[in-house]
Amino acid sequence: MTRWDLHPRADFELWFETTLSELGLSFERTTLKSLPPNVHWHIRRPGSKGVLEATWIRNGEAWLSVHSNRQAEWIHQMVELILTR
């Protein structure tokens, strides 16, 4: 698994979902029982293979990740765009 750390801000949830939408990505929002309290996203590019994941633990930690079996070319490009916003 590859992981990129994010630096959450006060409006992280709104900022993150708005950013995903502006980049043309679709996402499903859920939680992970193993990391409460948190928000977890599965992010996809419509019409493409691969899944980018994001996790935000409300203590201030957040990251993007991709499992080796869910890699796709678009993921690294989108990670760079998300990290620079």
C-alpha atoms as a PDB file:
ATOM      1  CA  MET A   1       0.000   0.000   0.000  1.00  0.00           C
ATOM      2  CA  THR A   2       1.170   3.513  -0.827  1.00  0.00           C
ATOM      3  CA  ARG A   3       0.214   6.350   1.510  1.00  0.00           C
ATOM      4  CA  TRP A   4       0.332  10.141   1.249  1.00  0.00           C
ATOM      5  CA  ASP A   5      -0.248  12.281   4.330  1.00  0.00           C
ATOM      6  CA  LEU A   6      -2.705  15.158   4.166  1.00  0.00           C
ATOM      7  CA  HIS A   7      -2.752  18.188   6.427  1.00  0.00           C
ATOM      8  CA  PRO A   8      -6.378  18.633   7.480  1.00  0.00           C
ATOM      9  CA  ARG A   9      -7.784  22.052   8.136  1.00  0.00           C
ATOM     10  CA  ALA A  10     -10.852  23.226  10.031  1.00  0.00           C
ATOM     11  CA  ASP A  11     -13.200  22.679   7.081  1.00  0.00           C
ATOM     12  CA  PHE A  12     -11.461  19.495   5.888  1.00  0.00           C
ATOM     13  CA  GLU A  13     -14.536  17.403   5.100  1.00  0.00           C
ATOM     14  CA  LEU A  14     -16.179  20.107   2.991  1.00  0.00           C
ATOM     15  CA  TRP A  15     -12.893  21.095   1.325  1.00  0.00           C
ATOM     16  CA  PHE A  16     -12.014  17.483   0.503  1.00  0.00           C
ATOM     17  CA  GLU A  17     -15.363  16.507  -0.996  1.00  0.00           C
ATOM     18  CA  THR A  18     -15.543  19.767  -2.966  1.00  0.00           C
ATOM     19  CA  THR A  19     -12.032  19.147  -4.296  1.00  0.00           C
ATOM     20  CA  LEU A  20     -12.945  15.609  -5.387  1.00  0.00           C
ATOM     21  CA  SER A  21     -16.049  16.860  -7.188  1.00  0.00           C
ATOM     22  CA  GLU A  22     -14.129  19.663  -8.916  1.00  0.00           C
ATOM     23  CA  LEU A  23     -11.591  17.088 -10.151  1.00  0.00           C
ATOM     24  CA  GLY A  24     -14.406  14.988 -11.660  1.00  0.00           C
ATOM     25  CA  LEU A  25     -13.990  12.120  -9.214  1.00  0.00           C
ATOM     26  CA  SER A  26     -16.806  10.118  -7.675  1.00  0.00           C
ATOM     27  CA  PHE A  27     -16.668   8.985  -4.075  1.00  0.00           C
ATOM     28  CA  GLU A  28     -18.426   6.905  -1.455  1.00  0.00           C
ATOM     29  CA  ARG A  29     -18.234   8.053   2.131  1.00  0.00           C
ATOM     30  CA  THR A  30     -18.209   5.625   5.050  1.00  0.00           C
ATOM     31  CA  THR A  31     -16.385   4.935   8.324  1.00  0.00           C
ATOM     32  CA  LEU A  32     -13.858   2.368   9.491  1.00  0.00           C
ATOM     33  CA  LYS A  33     -14.733   0.512  12.678  1.00  0.00           C
ATOM     34  CA  SER A  34     -11.030  -0.020  13.363  1.00  0.00           C
ATOM     35  CA  LEU A  35     -10.285   3.746  13.560  1.00  0.00           C
ATOM     36  CA  PRO A  36     -13.044   5.636  15.373  1.00  0.00           C
ATOM     37  CA  PRO A  37     -14.038   8.447  15.040  1.00  0.00           C
ATOM     38  CA  ASN A  38     -13.232   8.769  11.360  1.00  0.00           C
ATOM     39  CA  VAL A  39     -14.476   9.348   7.859  1.00  0.00           C
ATOM     40  CA  HIS A  40     -13.295   7.115   5.022  1.00  0.00           C
ATOM     41  CA  TRP A  41     -13.751   7.579   1.276  1.00  0.00           C
ATOM     42  CA  HIS A  42     -13.428   5.266  -1.712  1.00  0.00           C
ATOM     43  CA  ILE A  43     -12.613   7.491  -4.670  1.00  0.00           C
ATOM     44  CA  ARG A  44     -12.990   6.514  -8.310  1.00  0.00           C
ATOM     45  CA  ARG A  45     -12.546   8.120 -11.675  1.00  0.00           C
ATOM     46  CA  PRO A  46     -15.687   7.341 -13.699  1.00  0.00           C
ATOM     47  CA  GLY A  47     -14.920   4.991 -16.569  1.00  0.00           C
ATOM     48  CA  SER A  48     -11.494   4.024 -15.185  1.00  0.00           C
ATOM     49  CA  LYS A  49     -10.134   1.203 -13.096  1.00  0.00           C
ATOM     50  CA  GLY A  50      -8.498   1.758  -9.725  1.00  0.00           C
ATOM     51  CA  VAL A  51      -9.572   3.018  -6.310  1.00  0.00           C
ATOM     52  CA  LEU A  52      -7.965   5.769  -4.261  1.00  0.00           C
ATOM     53  CA  GLU A  53      -8.853   5.776  -0.575  1.00  0.00           C
ATOM     54  CA  ALA A  54      -8.810   8.574   1.954  1.00  0.00           C
ATOM     55  CA  THR A  55      -9.121   8.435   5.717  1.00  0.00           C
ATOM     56  CA  TRP A  56      -9.612  11.326   8.122  1.00  0.00           C
ATOM     57  CA  ILE A  57      -9.399  10.663  11.826  1.00  0.00           C
ATOM     58  CA  ARG A  58     -11.025  13.572  13.560  1.00  0.00           C
ATOM     59  CA  ASN A  59      -8.036  13.990  15.877  1.00  0.00           C
ATOM     60  CA  GLY A  60      -6.390  15.782  12.963  1.00  0.00           C
ATOM     61  CA  GLU A  61      -4.724  12.970  11.028  1.00  0.00           C
ATOM     62  CA  ALA A  62      -5.620  12.349   7.376  1.00  0.00           C
ATOM     63  CA  TRP A  63      -4.130  10.468   4.454  1.00  0.00           C
ATOM     64  CA  LEU A  64      -4.679   9.163   0.954  1.00  0.00           C
ATOM     65  CA  SER A  65      -3.793   5.570   0.138  1.00  0.00           C
ATOM     66  CA  VAL A  66      -3.929   3.021  -2.640  1.00  0.00           C
ATOM     67  CA  HIS A  67      -3.600  -0.732  -2.311  1.00  0.00           C
ATOM     68  CA  SER A  68      -1.282  -2.447  -4.782  1.00  0.00           C
ATOM     69  CA  ASN A  69      -4.161  -4.358  -6.383  1.00  0.00           C
ATOM     70  CA  ARG A  70      -6.194  -1.141  -6.934  1.00  0.00           C
ATOM     71  CA  GLN A  71      -3.533   0.980  -8.666  1.00  0.00           C
ATOM     72  CA  ALA A  72      -4.247   2.930 -11.855  1.00  0.00           C
ATOM     73  CA  GLU A  73      -2.430   5.660 -13.786  1.00  0.00           C
ATOM     74  CA  TRP A  74      -4.929   8.384 -12.894  1.00  0.00           C
ATOM     75  CA  ILE A  75      -4.376   7.951  -9.160  1.00  0.00           C
ATOM     76  CA  HIS A  76      -0.909   9.484  -8.913  1.00  0.00           C
ATOM     77  CA  GLN A  77      -1.971  12.447 -11.040  1.00  0.00           C
ATOM     78  CA  MET A  78      -5.010  13.089  -8.829  1.00  0.00           C
ATOM     79  CA  VAL A  79      -2.985  12.698  -5.640  1.00  0.00           C
ATOM     80  CA  GLU A  80      -0.627  15.433  -6.846  1.00  0.00           C
ATOM     81  CA  LEU A  81      -3.571  17.713  -7.649  1.00  0.00           C
ATOM     82  CA  ILE A  82      -5.194  17.088  -4.259  1.00  0.00           C
ATOM     83  CA  LEU A  83      -1.921  17.682  -2.389  1.00  0.00           C
ATOM     84  CA  THR A  84      -1.339  21.022  -4.102  1.00  0.00           C
ATOM     85  CA  ARG A  85      -4.795  22.481  -3.404  1.00  0.00           C
END
